[in-house]
C-alpha cells in the first residue's frame, strides 16, 4: 500500500485510540484504584484547587493520609540512586540535612541501608502537620535519634543540604522563591522526581490513592534559570522514566521526570 494512503488510514486510527484512552481516563478519574490519575489544565494553583471534587479529601494534611505514608512509603525507590550517589560524597561532612516534604521520615530510614549516616546526624523533615505528627510517633517507636520534624520551611536556614523528592509539584510556591526568602540558604540542593517539560508551566489535579491535590508541572529551562538567579549552579541533572498524560491535553504531555543537584556558586 502506498505510504500516503497508509498514513491517511493510520492517522485517524491513532486519533481514535487516543480519544478512547482519554475518555476512559476521564471517566476513571474519580474511581478508586492503584494508579495516579490526572484531569484538567489550570493556569494557577487556586484554580486547580477550586476545581477539585467536593466531598473528597484534599491535600495531605489528614491522619488517614499520614497513616498511609507510614504503612506504604518506607520502601526504596530505584529512582533515588542519583540522590544517594551525591549524598554519599556530601555526608558526613555536610550537615545538617533539611528534608523538604519528607513525609514521615521515610528517606531517613530507607537511605540508612545505602549510606553510613553518622551517629550525630541531624536530619529535619518539613511537611504538613498530620505527617509530622505521625512521623514523630514513628521516630519514637524506632528510636530514631537525630530525626526531627517541623512544619516551618524557615527551619531550612543553616542547613548544609536540602533534599526534596517527589514534592515540589505539590507546593504552590516555586523552590527558587522559597530559597530566596531564607537568610542562610543551604549550600547543596538535591531535587528528585519532579515533572518538567519544554512548554508553559501549568497545574492539573491529581487523584492519588488517598486524596486529590493540585499538581504543578514547571517549565524546565525557566526553573533552572530561576535557580541560577537565586545564586545556585547546576552540577548535575538526570531523567527518570516516568511520564504524565492528561486526558484531552496532548500539548501538556510530560515525557519524563527530572532530578537535579544544585550548589551555591561561591562554594564551587
Protein backbone atom coordinates (compact mmCIF):
# COMPACT_ATOMS: atom_id res chain seq x y z
CA UNK A 1 0.00 0.00 0.00
CA UNK A 2 1.39 3.45 -0.85
CA UNK A 3 2.78 5.36 2.12
CA UNK A 4 0.37 8.27 1.63
CA UNK A 5 -2.73 6.06 1.79
CA UNK A 6 -1.33 4.17 4.78
CA UNK A 7 -0.81 7.49 6.60
CA UNK A 8 -4.37 8.58 5.82
CA UNK A 9 -5.69 5.37 7.39
CA UNK A 10 -3.36 5.13 10.37
CA UNK A 11 -3.61 8.76 11.47
CA UNK A 12 -7.39 8.68 12.11
CA UNK A 13 -6.95 5.28 13.76
CA UNK A 14 -4.32 6.65 16.11
CA UNK A 15 -6.54 9.64 16.88
CA UNK A 16 -9.44 7.34 17.65
CA UNK A 17 -7.33 5.23 20.01
CA UNK A 18 -6.10 8.37 21.74
CA UNK A 19 -9.65 9.68 22.16
CA UNK A 20 -10.86 6.39 23.60
CA UNK A 21 -7.91 6.42 26.00
CA UNK A 22 -8.76 9.98 27.06
CA UNK A 23 -12.42 9.13 27.59
CA UNK A 24 -11.50 6.15 29.74
CA UNK A 25 -9.03 8.12 31.87
CA UNK A 26 -11.50 10.96 32.31
CA UNK A 27 -14.23 8.53 33.37
CA UNK A 28 -11.86 6.72 35.75
CA UNK A 29 -10.54 9.91 37.37
CA UNK A 30 -12.81 9.74 40.42
CA UNK A 31 -12.74 5.97 40.79
CA UNK A 32 -10.58 4.42 43.48
CA UNK A 33 -7.64 2.42 42.28
CA UNK A 34 -3.93 1.87 42.48
CA UNK A 35 -2.78 4.26 39.76
CA UNK A 36 -2.36 8.01 39.82
CA UNK A 37 -4.78 9.91 37.58
CA UNK A 38 -4.85 13.50 36.34
CA UNK A 39 -7.53 15.78 34.99
CA UNK A 40 -7.68 19.34 33.70
CA UNK A 41 -5.16 22.08 32.98
CA UNK A 42 -5.24 25.29 35.01
CA UNK A 43 -3.05 28.41 34.98
CA UNK A 44 -2.91 28.80 38.79
CA UNK A 45 -2.81 26.70 41.93
CA UNK A 46 -6.01 28.27 43.25
CA UNK A 47 -7.95 27.45 40.09
CA UNK A 48 -6.86 23.83 40.25
CA UNK A 49 -7.75 23.70 43.93
CA UNK A 50 -11.20 25.16 43.28
CA UNK A 51 -11.86 22.53 40.60
CA UNK A 52 -11.21 19.53 42.84
CA UNK A 53 -14.25 17.32 43.51
CA UNK A 54 -16.27 18.25 46.57
CA UNK A 55 -16.89 15.71 49.31
CA UNK A 56 -13.40 14.21 48.95
CA UNK A 57 -10.11 14.51 50.81
CA UNK A 58 -7.98 17.38 49.54
CA UNK A 59 -4.25 17.54 50.05
CA UNK A 60 -2.08 15.61 52.52
CA UNK A 61 -2.85 17.12 55.91
CA UNK A 62 -5.06 14.26 57.13
CA UNK A 63 -4.42 11.47 59.63
CA UNK A 64 -5.54 8.82 57.15
CA UNK A 65 -3.00 10.09 54.61
CA UNK A 66 -0.25 10.11 57.25
CA UNK A 67 -1.09 6.52 58.20
CA UNK A 68 -0.98 5.56 54.53
CA UNK A 69 2.52 7.05 54.22
CA UNK A 70 3.74 5.21 57.32
CA UNK A 71 2.37 1.91 56.01
CA UNK A 72 3.48 2.13 52.37
CA UNK A 73 6.28 4.67 51.83
CA UNK A 74 9.16 3.24 53.87
CA UNK A 75 10.48 1.37 50.87
CA UNK A 76 13.34 2.07 48.49
CA UNK A 77 12.56 3.78 45.20
CA UNK A 78 15.13 2.93 42.48
CA UNK A 79 14.85 6.49 41.15
CA UNK A 80 16.76 7.61 44.27
CA UNK A 81 20.11 6.18 43.15
CA UNK A 82 21.33 9.53 41.81
CA UNK A 83 20.46 11.21 45.11
CA UNK A 84 22.31 8.50 47.02
CA UNK A 85 25.35 8.97 44.80
CA UNK A 86 25.62 12.66 45.62
CA UNK A 87 24.74 12.25 49.30
CA UNK A 88 27.46 9.63 49.68
CA UNK A 89 30.01 12.29 48.74
CA UNK A 90 28.49 15.10 50.77
CA UNK A 91 27.94 13.21 54.02
CA UNK A 92 29.03 13.12 56.75
CA UNK A 93 30.87 16.45 56.46
CA UNK A 94 27.88 18.43 55.13
CA UNK A 95 25.30 18.74 57.88
CA UNK A 96 22.55 19.32 58.90
CA UNK A 97 20.15 18.00 56.25
CA UNK A 98 16.72 19.53 55.61
CA UNK A 99 14.25 17.09 54.02
CA UNK A 100 11.52 19.21 52.42
CA UNK A 101 8.31 17.24 52.05
CA UNK A 102 9.90 14.23 53.70
CA UNK A 103 6.60 12.78 54.90
CA UNK A 104 7.05 10.56 57.95
CA UNK A 105 10.83 10.45 57.52
CA UNK A 106 10.88 7.61 55.02
CA UNK A 107 14.10 8.71 53.30
CA UNK A 108 15.92 8.80 56.65
CA UNK A 109 15.01 5.17 57.30
CA UNK A 110 15.49 3.83 53.78
CA UNK A 111 18.77 5.60 53.00
CA UNK A 112 20.47 4.06 56.06
CA UNK A 113 20.78 0.83 54.07
CA UNK A 114 22.90 2.66 51.47
CA UNK A 115 24.69 5.42 53.39
CA UNK A 116 26.81 5.48 56.51
CA UNK A 117 24.85 8.13 58.37
CA UNK A 118 26.92 9.46 61.28
CA UNK A 119 25.67 8.92 64.83
CA UNK A 120 25.32 12.66 65.29
CA UNK A 121 23.36 13.11 62.06
CA UNK A 122 20.86 16.00 62.18
CA UNK A 123 18.03 15.27 59.74
CA UNK A 124 14.98 17.55 59.78
CA UNK A 125 11.80 16.69 57.91
CA UNK A 126 9.49 19.54 56.90
CA UNK A 127 5.92 18.63 55.97
CA UNK A 128 2.26 19.26 56.80
CA UNK A 129 1.09 18.84 60.38
CA UNK A 130 -0.56 15.42 60.06
CA UNK A 131 2.55 13.89 58.51
CA UNK A 132 4.96 15.44 61.00
CA UNK A 133 2.85 14.24 63.94
CA UNK A 134 2.79 10.71 62.55
CA UNK A 135 6.49 10.96 61.80
CA UNK A 136 7.30 11.94 65.39
CA UNK A 137 5.40 8.93 66.72
CA UNK A 138 7.19 6.65 64.29
CA UNK A 139 10.57 8.13 65.25
CA UNK A 140 9.83 7.47 68.92
CA UNK A 141 8.85 3.88 68.12
CA UNK A 142 12.04 3.33 66.11
CA UNK A 143 14.24 5.34 68.48
CA UNK A 144 15.42 7.39 65.51
CA UNK A 145 17.93 9.72 67.12
CA UNK A 146 18.73 12.80 65.08
CA UNK A 147 15.44 12.78 63.17
CA UNK A 148 13.35 15.88 63.80
CA UNK A 149 10.15 17.31 62.32
CA UNK A 150 8.82 20.77 61.55
CA UNK A 151 6.10 22.45 59.52
CA UNK A 152 8.16 25.63 59.04
CA UNK A 153 10.26 25.99 55.89
CA UNK A 154 12.34 28.66 57.68
CA UNK A 155 13.96 25.77 59.58
CA UNK A 156 15.95 25.24 56.38
CA UNK A 157 18.13 28.20 57.43
CA UNK A 158 21.60 26.95 58.23
CA UNK A 159 21.18 23.53 56.66
CA UNK A 160 24.10 22.32 54.57
CA UNK A 161 21.92 20.11 52.36
CA UNK A 162 18.33 20.46 51.25
CA UNK A 163 16.72 17.28 49.93
CA UNK A 164 13.31 17.10 48.27
CA UNK A 165 11.96 14.07 46.44
CA UNK A 166 8.65 14.00 44.58
CA UNK A 167 7.31 17.04 46.39
CA UNK A 168 7.82 20.32 44.50
CA UNK A 169 4.86 19.58 42.23
CA UNK A 170 2.52 19.82 45.24
CA UNK A 171 3.86 23.16 46.50
CA UNK A 172 2.32 26.39 45.24
CA UNK A 173 5.47 28.49 45.64
CA UNK A 174 8.43 27.80 43.36
CA UNK A 175 11.57 26.49 45.05
CA UNK A 176 13.80 29.43 43.95
CA UNK A 177 11.28 31.77 45.57
CA UNK A 178 11.36 29.79 48.82
CA UNK A 179 15.16 29.70 48.87
CA UNK A 180 15.41 33.43 48.16
CA UNK A 181 13.39 34.05 51.33
CA UNK A 182 15.99 32.39 53.55
CA UNK A 183 18.70 34.36 55.33
CA UNK A 184 21.09 31.38 55.33
CA UNK A 185 20.10 29.06 52.47
CA UNK A 186 21.60 25.57 52.06
CA UNK A 187 24.85 25.10 50.18
CA UNK A 188 23.60 21.99 48.37
CA UNK A 189 20.13 21.29 46.94
CA UNK A 190 19.15 17.81 45.79
CA UNK A 191 15.86 17.52 43.89
CA UNK A 192 14.27 14.35 42.58
CA UNK A 193 11.11 13.08 40.86
CA UNK A 194 9.60 16.34 39.60
CA UNK A 195 7.59 16.70 36.36
CA UNK A 196 9.06 19.27 33.99
CA UNK A 197 8.86 19.85 30.24
CA UNK A 198 9.59 22.36 27.49
CA UNK A 199 6.19 24.06 27.47
CA UNK A 200 4.41 26.64 29.59
CA UNK A 201 4.04 25.86 33.28
CA UNK A 202 0.59 24.75 34.43
CA UNK A 203 -1.36 22.99 37.16
CA UNK A 204 -3.51 19.91 36.93
CA UNK A 205 -5.44 17.88 39.51
CA UNK A 206 -4.06 14.58 40.73
CA UNK A 207 -6.15 11.80 42.20
CA UNK A 208 -3.75 9.72 44.25
CA UNK A 209 -4.50 6.67 46.33
CA UNK A 210 -5.67 8.73 49.27
CA UNK A 211 -6.75 12.23 48.17
CA UNK A 212 -6.91 14.91 45.48
CA UNK A 213 -4.32 17.67 45.13
CA UNK A 214 -3.26 20.46 42.76
CA UNK A 215 -0.23 19.26 40.82
CA UNK A 216 2.31 21.59 39.23
CA UNK A 217 4.23 20.98 36.02
CA UNK A 218 7.04 23.50 35.52
CA UNK A 219 8.96 24.71 32.52
CA UNK A 220 12.35 23.01 32.71
CA UNK A 221 14.51 25.87 31.44
CA UNK A 222 12.73 28.54 33.49
CA UNK A 223 13.24 26.50 36.65
CA UNK A 224 16.97 26.16 36.03
CA UNK A 225 17.30 29.89 35.20
CA UNK A 226 15.46 30.84 38.38
CA UNK A 227 17.68 28.60 40.49
CA UNK A 228 20.74 30.20 38.90
CA UNK A 229 19.40 33.69 39.54
CA UNK A 230 18.95 32.70 43.20
CA UNK A 231 22.68 32.02 43.46
CA UNK A 232 22.96 28.34 42.52
CA UNK A 233 24.69 26.49 39.72
CA UNK A 234 23.53 23.20 38.25
CA UNK A 235 26.05 20.45 38.98
CA UNK A 236 24.01 17.53 37.67
CA UNK A 237 20.69 16.70 36.03
CA UNK A 238 19.09 13.31 35.47
CA UNK A 239 15.95 11.93 33.86
CA UNK A 240 13.50 9.39 35.24
CA UNK A 241 11.39 7.03 33.10
CA UNK A 242 8.03 8.31 34.25
CA UNK A 243 5.55 10.25 32.14
CA UNK A 244 2.43 12.33 32.78
CA UNK A 245 -0.55 12.32 30.43
CA UNK A 246 -3.66 14.46 30.94
CA UNK A 247 -6.80 13.43 29.02
CA UNK A 248 -7.62 15.79 26.12
CA UNK A 249 -4.45 17.87 26.68
CA UNK A 250 -1.74 16.32 24.48
CA UNK A 251 0.32 19.53 24.40
CA UNK A 252 0.86 19.25 28.16
CA UNK A 253 2.31 15.73 27.97
CA UNK A 254 5.40 15.22 30.14
CA UNK A 255 7.73 12.59 28.71
CA UNK A 256 9.95 12.18 31.79
CA UNK A 257 10.50 13.39 35.32
CA UNK A 258 13.67 15.18 36.43
CA UNK A 259 16.24 15.30 39.18
CA UNK A 260 18.94 17.89 39.93
CA UNK A 261 21.90 18.70 42.09
CA UNK A 262 22.42 22.46 42.59
CA UNK A 263 25.24 24.04 44.58
CA UNK A 264 25.75 27.61 45.71
CA UNK A 265 28.03 29.33 43.24
CA UNK A 266 30.51 30.61 45.82
CA UNK A 267 31.07 27.04 47.03
CA UNK A 268 32.09 25.71 43.61
